[in-house]
C-alpha atoms as a PDB file:
ATOM      1  CA  MET A   1     -74.818 -62.082 -40.399  1.00  0.00           C
ATOM      2  CA  ASP A   2     -72.829 -61.444 -37.237  1.00  0.00           C
ATOM      3  CA  VAL A   3     -72.030 -57.721 -37.113  1.00  0.00           C
ATOM      4  CA  TYR A   4     -68.376 -58.269 -36.244  1.00  0.00           C
ATOM      5  CA  ARG A   5     -67.966 -60.660 -39.158  1.00  0.00           C
ATOM      6  CA  HIS A   6     -69.615 -58.005 -41.337  1.00  0.00           C
ATOM      7  CA  ILE A   7     -67.061 -55.444 -40.141  1.00  0.00           C
ATOM      8  CA  ARG A   8     -64.134 -57.685 -41.080  1.00  0.00           C
ATOM      9  CA  GLU A   9     -65.584 -58.520 -44.503  1.00  0.00           C
ATOM     10  CA  ALA A  10     -66.473 -54.892 -45.215  1.00  0.00           C
ATOM     11  CA  VAL A  11     -63.010 -53.626 -44.280  1.00  0.00           C
ATOM     12  CA  SER A  12     -61.438 -56.330 -46.472  1.00  0.00           C
ATOM     13  CA  ALA A  13     -63.620 -55.169 -49.382  1.00  0.00           C
ATOM     14  CA  LEU A  14     -62.564 -51.573 -48.766  1.00  0.00           C
ATOM     15  CA  ALA A  15     -58.898 -52.570 -48.774  1.00  0.00           C
ATOM     16  CA  ILE A  16     -59.360 -54.067 -52.250  1.00  0.00           C
ATOM     17  CA  SER A  17     -61.355 -51.119 -53.611  1.00  0.00           C
ATOM     18  CA  ASP A  18     -59.175 -48.406 -52.083  1.00  0.00           C
ATOM     19  CA  ARG A  19     -55.671 -49.632 -52.851  1.00  0.00           C
ATOM     20  CA  GLY A  20     -54.552 -46.028 -53.185  1.00  0.00           C
ATOM     21  CA  LEU A  21     -55.775 -45.260 -49.636  1.00  0.00           C
ATOM     22  CA  LYS A  22     -57.761 -42.262 -50.868  1.00  0.00           C
ATOM     23  CA  LEU A  23     -60.398 -42.391 -48.124  1.00  0.00           C
ATOM     24  CA  PHE A  24     -59.656 -39.824 -45.432  1.00  0.00           C
ATOM     25  CA  GLY A  25     -57.424 -41.360 -42.762  1.00  0.00           C
ATOM     26  CA  ALA A  26     -56.919 -44.656 -44.612  1.00  0.00           C
ATOM     27  CA  ASN A  27     -53.207 -43.944 -44.921  1.00  0.00           C
ATOM     28  CA  GLY A  28     -53.119 -44.080 -41.107  1.00  0.00           C
ATOM     29  CA  HIS A  29     -54.675 -47.523 -40.640  1.00  0.00           C
ATOM     30  CA  GLY A  30     -54.273 -49.107 -44.074  1.00  0.00           C
ATOM     31  CA  TYR A  31     -57.489 -51.119 -43.545  1.00  0.00           C
ATOM     32  CA  ARG A  32     -55.600 -53.391 -41.137  1.00  0.00           C
ATOM     33  CA  PHE A  33     -56.600 -54.535 -37.651  1.00  0.00           C
ATOM     34  CA  HIS A  34     -54.266 -55.334 -34.802  1.00  0.00           C
ATOM     35  CA  SER A  35     -54.580 -58.791 -33.298  1.00  0.00           C
ATOM     36  CA  PRO A  36     -57.634 -59.134 -31.022  1.00  0.00           C
ATOM     37  CA  CYS A  37     -57.265 -58.776 -27.261  1.00  0.00           C
ATOM     38  CA  SER A  38     -57.490 -61.785 -25.007  1.00  0.00           C
ATOM     39  CA  GLU A  39     -60.151 -61.934 -22.314  1.00  0.00           C
ATOM     40  CA  SER A  40     -57.432 -61.701 -19.655  1.00  0.00           C
ATOM     41  CA  GLU A  41     -56.003 -58.513 -21.197  1.00  0.00           C
ATOM     42  CA  ILE A  42     -59.407 -56.859 -21.095  1.00  0.00           C
ATOM     43  CA  VAL A  43     -60.137 -58.013 -17.547  1.00  0.00           C
ATOM     44  CA  ASP A  44     -56.751 -56.711 -16.442  1.00  0.00           C
ATOM     45  CA  PHE A  45     -57.523 -53.293 -17.951  1.00  0.00           C
ATOM     46  CA  GLU A  46     -60.979 -53.172 -16.376  1.00  0.00           C
ATOM     47  CA  GLU A  47     -59.722 -54.183 -12.929  1.00  0.00           C
ATOM     48  CA  ARG A  48     -56.768 -51.811 -13.066  1.00  0.00           C
ATOM     49  CA  HIS A  49     -59.046 -48.841 -13.785  1.00  0.00           C
ATOM     50  CA  GLY A  50     -62.090 -49.967 -11.821  1.00  0.00           C
ATOM     51  CA  ILE A  51     -64.465 -49.879 -14.800  1.00  0.00           C
ATOM     52  CA  ALA A  52     -66.410 -52.147 -17.150  1.00  0.00           C
ATOM     53  CA  LEU A  53     -65.929 -51.576 -20.863  1.00  0.00           C
ATOM     54  CA  PRO A  54     -69.082 -51.074 -22.974  1.00  0.00           C
ATOM     55  CA  LYS A  55     -70.165 -54.452 -24.333  1.00  0.00           C
ATOM     56  CA  ASP A  56     -70.015 -53.507 -28.031  1.00  0.00           C
ATOM     57  CA  TYR A  57     -66.497 -52.111 -27.696  1.00  0.00           C
ATOM     58  CA  ARG A  58     -65.428 -55.102 -25.605  1.00  0.00           C
ATOM     59  CA  TRP A  59     -66.646 -57.510 -28.282  1.00  0.00           C
ATOM     60  CA  PHE A  60     -64.888 -55.470 -30.962  1.00  0.00           C
ATOM     61  CA  LEU A  61     -61.609 -55.913 -29.083  1.00  0.00           C
ATOM     62  CA  LEU A  62     -62.225 -59.656 -28.779  1.00  0.00           C
ATOM     63  CA  GLU A  63     -63.735 -60.454 -32.174  1.00  0.00           C
ATOM     64  CA  VAL A  64     -62.325 -57.869 -34.599  1.00  0.00           C
ATOM     65  CA  GLY A  65     -59.092 -56.424 -33.310  1.00  0.00           C
ATOM     66  CA  ASN A  66     -57.331 -54.359 -30.692  1.00  0.00           C
ATOM     67  CA  GLY A  67     -57.708 -51.207 -32.738  1.00  0.00           C
ATOM     68  CA  GLY A  68     -56.760 -50.539 -36.324  1.00  0.00           C
ATOM     69  CA  ALA A  69     -59.049 -49.818 -39.267  1.00  0.00           C
ATOM     70  CA  GLY A  70     -61.891 -47.496 -38.388  1.00  0.00           C
ATOM     71  CA  PRO A  71     -63.185 -43.921 -38.429  1.00  0.00           C
ATOM     72  CA  TYR A  72     -60.751 -41.245 -39.571  1.00  0.00           C
ATOM     73  CA  TYR A  73     -57.200 -42.430 -38.746  1.00  0.00           C
ATOM     74  CA  GLY A  74     -58.433 -45.612 -37.094  1.00  0.00           C
ATOM     75  CA  VAL A  75     -59.210 -46.965 -33.647  1.00  0.00           C
ATOM     76  CA  PHE A  76     -56.506 -46.774 -30.980  1.00  0.00           C
ATOM     77  CA  LYS A  77     -55.243 -49.871 -29.221  1.00  0.00           C
ATOM     78  CA  LEU A  78     -56.774 -50.342 -25.778  1.00  0.00           C
ATOM     79  CA  GLY A  79     -55.037 -47.951 -23.389  1.00  0.00           C
ATOM     80  CA  GLU A  80     -53.211 -46.004 -26.111  1.00  0.00           C
ATOM     81  CA  MET A  81     -53.610 -42.667 -27.896  1.00  0.00           C
ATOM     82  CA  ASP A  82     -51.725 -40.373 -30.259  1.00  0.00           C
ATOM     83  CA  ASP A  83     -49.266 -37.789 -28.978  1.00  0.00           C
ATOM     84  CA  GLY A  84     -49.043 -35.807 -32.207  1.00  0.00           C
ATOM     85  CA  HIS A  85     -46.466 -38.129 -33.744  1.00  0.00           C
ATOM     86  CA  GLU A  86     -47.184 -41.743 -32.834  1.00  0.00           C
ATOM     87  CA  GLU A  87     -49.427 -43.818 -30.603  1.00  0.00           C
ATOM     88  CA  GLY A  88     -48.447 -44.923 -27.128  1.00  0.00           C
ATOM     89  CA  PRO A  89     -49.877 -45.659 -23.650  1.00  0.00           C
ATOM     90  CA  TRP A  90     -51.747 -42.975 -21.730  1.00  0.00           C
ATOM     91  CA  LYS A  91     -51.937 -42.570 -17.954  1.00  0.00           C
ATOM     92  CA  GLU A  92     -54.814 -41.375 -15.809  1.00  0.00           C
ATOM     93  CA  GLY A  93     -54.147 -37.843 -14.623  1.00  0.00           C
ATOM     94  CA  GLU A  94     -52.028 -37.014 -17.658  1.00  0.00           C
ATOM     95  CA  PHE A  95     -54.527 -35.658 -20.211  1.00  0.00           C
ATOM     96  CA  VAL A  96     -56.848 -38.622 -19.581  1.00  0.00           C
ATOM     97  CA  GLY A  97     -58.948 -38.222 -16.428  1.00  0.00           C
ATOM     98  CA  ARG A  98     -59.852 -40.734 -13.745  1.00  0.00           C
ATOM     99  CA  LEU A  99     -61.830 -43.483 -15.478  1.00  0.00           C
ATOM    100  CA  ARG A 100     -63.885 -44.608 -12.505  1.00  0.00           C
ATOM    101  CA  ASP A 101     -65.321 -41.091 -12.045  1.00  0.00           C
ATOM    102  CA  PRO A 102     -68.533 -40.379 -13.989  1.00  0.00           C
ATOM    103  CA  TRP A 103     -68.451 -38.465 -17.261  1.00  0.00           C
ATOM    104  CA  PRO A 104     -69.381 -34.904 -16.236  1.00  0.00           C
ATOM    105  CA  HIS A 105     -71.395 -33.718 -19.250  1.00  0.00           C
ATOM    106  CA  ARG A 106     -75.011 -34.266 -20.215  1.00  0.00           C
ATOM    107  CA  ALA A 107     -74.983 -32.017 -23.280  1.00  0.00           C
ATOM    108  CA  GLU A 108     -72.521 -30.266 -25.556  1.00  0.00           C
ATOM    109  CA  TRP A 109     -70.008 -28.307 -23.484  1.00  0.00           C
ATOM    110  CA  ASN A 110     -67.573 -25.467 -24.032  1.00  0.00           C
ATOM    111  CA  LEU A 111     -66.107 -22.533 -22.154  1.00  0.00           C
ATOM    112  CA  THR A 112     -67.892 -19.250 -22.758  1.00  0.00           C
ATOM    113  CA  ASP A 113     -66.498 -16.801 -25.291  1.00  0.00           C
ATOM    114  CA  ASP A 114     -65.289 -14.627 -22.434  1.00  0.00           C
ATOM    115  CA  GLU A 115     -63.525 -17.572 -20.800  1.00  0.00           C
ATOM    116  CA  LEU A 116     -61.851 -18.510 -24.067  1.00  0.00           C
ATOM    117  CA  ALA A 117     -60.728 -14.971 -24.812  1.00  0.00           C
ATOM    118  CA  VAL A 118     -57.394 -13.603 -23.632  1.00  0.00           C
ATOM    119  CA  PRO A 119     -57.476  -9.957 -22.472  1.00  0.00           C
ATOM    120  CA  ASP A 120     -56.272  -7.354 -24.960  1.00  0.00           C
ATOM    121  CA  GLY A 121     -53.133  -5.403 -24.321  1.00  0.00           C
ATOM    122  CA  LEU A 122     -51.070  -8.201 -22.809  1.00  0.00           C
ATOM    123  CA  ALA A 123     -47.575  -9.016 -24.007  1.00  0.00           C
ATOM    124  CA  GLY A 124     -44.582 -11.079 -23.040  1.00  0.00           C
ATOM    125  CA  GLU A 125     -44.829 -12.993 -19.775  1.00  0.00           C
ATOM    126  CA  GLU A 126     -48.290 -11.605 -18.988  1.00  0.00           C
ATOM    127  CA  LEU A 127     -49.645 -12.913 -22.296  1.00  0.00           C
ATOM    128  CA  ASP A 128     -48.000 -16.283 -21.758  1.00  0.00           C
ATOM    129  CA  ALA A 129     -49.469 -16.468 -18.250  1.00  0.00           C
ATOM    130  CA  ALA A 130     -52.964 -15.638 -19.544  1.00  0.00           C
ATOM    131  CA  TYR A 131     -52.818 -18.405 -22.146  1.00  0.00           C
ATOM    132  CA  GLU A 132     -51.440 -20.832 -19.583  1.00  0.00           C
ATOM    133  CA  ALA A 133     -54.255 -20.067 -17.146  1.00  0.00           C
ATOM    134  CA  ARG A 134     -56.889 -20.494 -19.855  1.00  0.00           C
ATOM    135  CA  ASP A 135     -55.381 -23.733 -21.141  1.00  0.00           C
ATOM    136  CA  LYS A 136     -55.100 -25.155 -17.640  1.00  0.00           C
ATOM    137  CA  LYS A 137     -58.841 -24.688 -17.237  1.00  0.00           C
ATOM    138  CA  TYR A 138     -59.723 -25.855 -20.751  1.00  0.00           C
ATOM    139  CA  TRP A 139     -57.609 -29.015 -20.679  1.00  0.00           C
ATOM    140  CA  ASP A 140     -58.339 -30.038 -17.093  1.00  0.00           C
ATOM    141  CA  GLU A 141     -58.420 -33.847 -16.906  1.00  0.00           C
ATOM    142  CA  ALA A 142     -61.593 -33.661 -14.821  1.00  0.00           C
ATOM    143  CA  LEU A 143     -63.459 -32.464 -17.925  1.00  0.00           C
ATOM    144  CA  VAL A 144     -62.966 -35.875 -19.537  1.00  0.00           C
ATOM    145  CA  ALA A 145     -63.219 -38.075 -16.443  1.00  0.00           C
ATOM    146  CA  GLY A 146     -64.907 -41.398 -17.120  1.00  0.00           C
ATOM    147  CA  ALA A 147     -63.719 -41.650 -20.724  1.00  0.00           C
ATOM    148  CA  PHE A 148     -60.649 -42.341 -22.818  1.00  0.00           C
ATOM    149  CA  PRO A 149     -59.578 -41.519 -26.409  1.00  0.00           C
ATOM    150  CA  ILE A 150     -60.436 -44.137 -29.024  1.00  0.00           C
ATOM    151  CA  GLY A 151     -59.364 -42.340 -32.202  1.00  0.00           C
ATOM    152  CA  HIS A 152     -58.316 -39.065 -33.772  1.00  0.00           C
ATOM    153  CA  GLN A 153     -59.082 -37.000 -36.835  1.00  0.00           C
ATOM    154  CA  GLY A 154     -55.642 -35.428 -37.074  1.00  0.00           C
ATOM    155  CA  CYS A 155     -54.189 -32.299 -35.485  1.00  0.00           C
ATOM    156  CA  ALA A 156     -55.213 -33.316 -31.920  1.00  0.00           C
ATOM    157  CA  SER A 157     -58.918 -33.560 -32.814  1.00  0.00           C
ATOM    158  CA  ARG A 158     -60.007 -36.712 -30.975  1.00  0.00           C
ATOM    159  CA  ASP A 159     -62.965 -38.944 -30.169  1.00  0.00           C
ATOM    160  CA  TRP A 160     -63.594 -40.308 -26.664  1.00  0.00           C
ATOM    161  CA  LEU A 161     -65.457 -43.380 -25.453  1.00  0.00           C
ATOM    162  CA  VAL A 162     -67.415 -42.805 -22.250  1.00  0.00           C
ATOM    163  CA  VAL A 163     -67.108 -45.737 -19.848  1.00  0.00           C
ATOM    164  CA  THR A 164     -68.518 -44.423 -16.556  1.00  0.00           C
ATOM    165  CA  GLY A 165     -71.703 -42.556 -15.665  1.00  0.00           C
ATOM    166  CA  ARG A 166     -75.140 -42.123 -17.218  1.00  0.00           C
ATOM    167  CA  ASP A 167     -73.667 -41.704 -20.693  1.00  0.00           C
ATOM    168  CA  ALA A 168     -71.432 -44.788 -20.578  1.00  0.00           C
ATOM    169  CA  GLY A 169     -71.129 -46.358 -24.024  1.00  0.00           C
ATOM    170  CA  GLN A 170     -71.445 -43.101 -25.954  1.00  0.00           C
ATOM    171  CA  VAL A 171     -68.782 -41.558 -28.201  1.00  0.00           C
ATOM    172  CA  TRP A 172     -68.005 -37.843 -27.878  1.00  0.00           C
ATOM    173  CA  HIS A 173     -65.954 -35.581 -30.116  1.00  0.00           C
ATOM    174  CA  ASP A 174     -63.244 -33.413 -28.571  1.00  0.00           C
ATOM    175  CA  ALA A 175     -62.730 -30.228 -30.593  1.00  0.00           C
ATOM    176  CA  ARG A 176     -60.978 -28.247 -27.877  1.00  0.00           C
ATOM    177  CA  VAL A 177     -57.914 -27.893 -30.073  1.00  0.00           C
ATOM    178  CA  ASP A 178     -60.071 -25.604 -32.247  1.00  0.00           C
ATOM    179  CA  GLU A 179     -61.889 -24.104 -29.240  1.00  0.00           C
ATOM    180  CA  GLY A 180     -64.935 -26.169 -30.174  1.00  0.00           C
ATOM    181  CA  GLY A 181     -65.423 -27.891 -26.826  1.00  0.00           C
ATOM    182  CA  LEU A 182     -66.908 -31.362 -26.358  1.00  0.00           C
ATOM    183  CA  ARG A 183     -70.033 -32.755 -28.025  1.00  0.00           C
ATOM    184  CA  PRO A 184     -71.759 -36.131 -28.330  1.00  0.00           C
ATOM    185  CA  TYR A 185     -72.114 -37.853 -31.676  1.00  0.00           C
ATOM    186  CA  GLU A 186     -75.826 -37.932 -32.473  1.00  0.00           C
ATOM    187  CA  ARG A 187     -78.212 -39.362 -35.039  1.00  0.00           C
ATOM    188  CA  ALA A 188     -80.632 -37.141 -36.931  1.00  0.00           C
ATOM    189  CA  ASP A 189     -83.305 -37.911 -34.316  1.00  0.00           C
ATOM    190  CA  GLY A 190     -81.038 -36.741 -31.496  1.00  0.00           C
ATOM    191  CA  GLY A 191     -80.150 -40.208 -30.244  1.00  0.00           C
ATOM    192  CA  ARG A 192     -76.590 -40.638 -29.048  1.00  0.00           C
ATOM    193  CA  LEU A 193     -74.141 -42.907 -30.868  1.00  0.00           C
ATOM    194  CA  THR A 194     -72.557 -45.851 -29.097  1.00  0.00           C
ATOM    195  CA  PHE A 195     -69.179 -47.223 -30.126  1.00  0.00           C
ATOM    196  CA  LEU A 196     -70.752 -49.663 -32.580  1.00  0.00           C
ATOM    197  CA  ASP A 197     -73.065 -46.953 -34.010  1.00  0.00           C
ATOM    198  CA  TRP A 198     -70.076 -44.642 -34.460  1.00  0.00           C
ATOM    199  CA  TYR A 199     -68.057 -47.375 -36.148  1.00  0.00           C
ATOM    200  CA  LEU A 200     -70.835 -48.576 -38.456  1.00  0.00           C
ATOM    201  CA  ASP A 201     -71.680 -45.002 -39.499  1.00  0.00           C
ATOM    202  CA  TRP A 202     -68.112 -44.659 -40.762  1.00  0.00           C
ATOM    203  CA  LEU A 203     -68.147 -48.096 -42.351  1.00  0.00           C
ATOM    204  CA  ASP A 204     -71.456 -47.612 -44.167  1.00  0.00           C
ATOM    205  CA  GLU A 205     -70.341 -44.246 -45.569  1.00  0.00           C
ATOM    206  CA  ALA A 206     -67.034 -45.732 -46.716  1.00  0.00           C
ATOM    207  CA  LEU A 207     -68.844 -48.592 -48.476  1.00  0.00           C
ATOM    208  CA  ARG A 208     -71.148 -46.085 -50.211  1.00  0.00           C
ATOM    209  CA  THR A 209     -68.143 -44.039 -51.296  1.00  0.00           C
ATOM    210  CA  PHE A 210     -66.738 -47.018 -53.206  1.00  0.00           C
ATOM    211  CA  LYS A 211     -70.177 -48.354 -54.227  1.00  0.00           C
ATOM    212  CA  ILE A 212     -69.657 -51.610 -52.333  1.00  0.00           C
ATOM    213  CA  GLN A 213     -72.786 -53.561 -51.408  1.00  0.00           C
ATOM    214  CA  LEU A 214     -72.586 -56.278 -48.773  1.00  0.00           C
ATOM    215  CA  PRO A 215     -75.323 -58.102 -46.842  1.00  0.00           C
ATOM    216  CA  ARG A 216     -75.570 -57.085 -43.164  1.00  0.00           C
END
């Protein structure tokens, strides 16, 4: 069975089994997909940013939907992300880095404990300045160059799809909001998850949760 057809059928089965939207994040996407992208919409995005979307994600946009049902609170529409309240367009250089630059990380990354710490004994404007300096370094757009957000787990905990560089196609988790840095999603054998791997991992676990069996 075509994997994208399987995704649609599996999500439809979940919508029937989980009418109360008890699965984590289901109240955010409601097991619904947005209408698929057109080829021209995708080409326009790729040309505007000077990148090529990973093939599995590109086919998802074309064959399944432009975001919607998916891991945690769902998959963002192409070119959109959450701002803490609702989803809307992002711009390069404003939280999202330059997409045509390569993703800068090869392994899990975080600031050191010393870099994350704020010196003791500060108060008032000095304390504010120390936090501002740390946050400026920690949330530098260059740290996520070559990728864009594809979903969130709530409370500014997001997942990013790498589109440029040696790790293009992989999905990374951004836990900087909890001082947890950036890390790739990996299988038990250490292999990195692509967009489709990341999506199907969520889907398979959701189907197991509701004891739904479908042919793949």
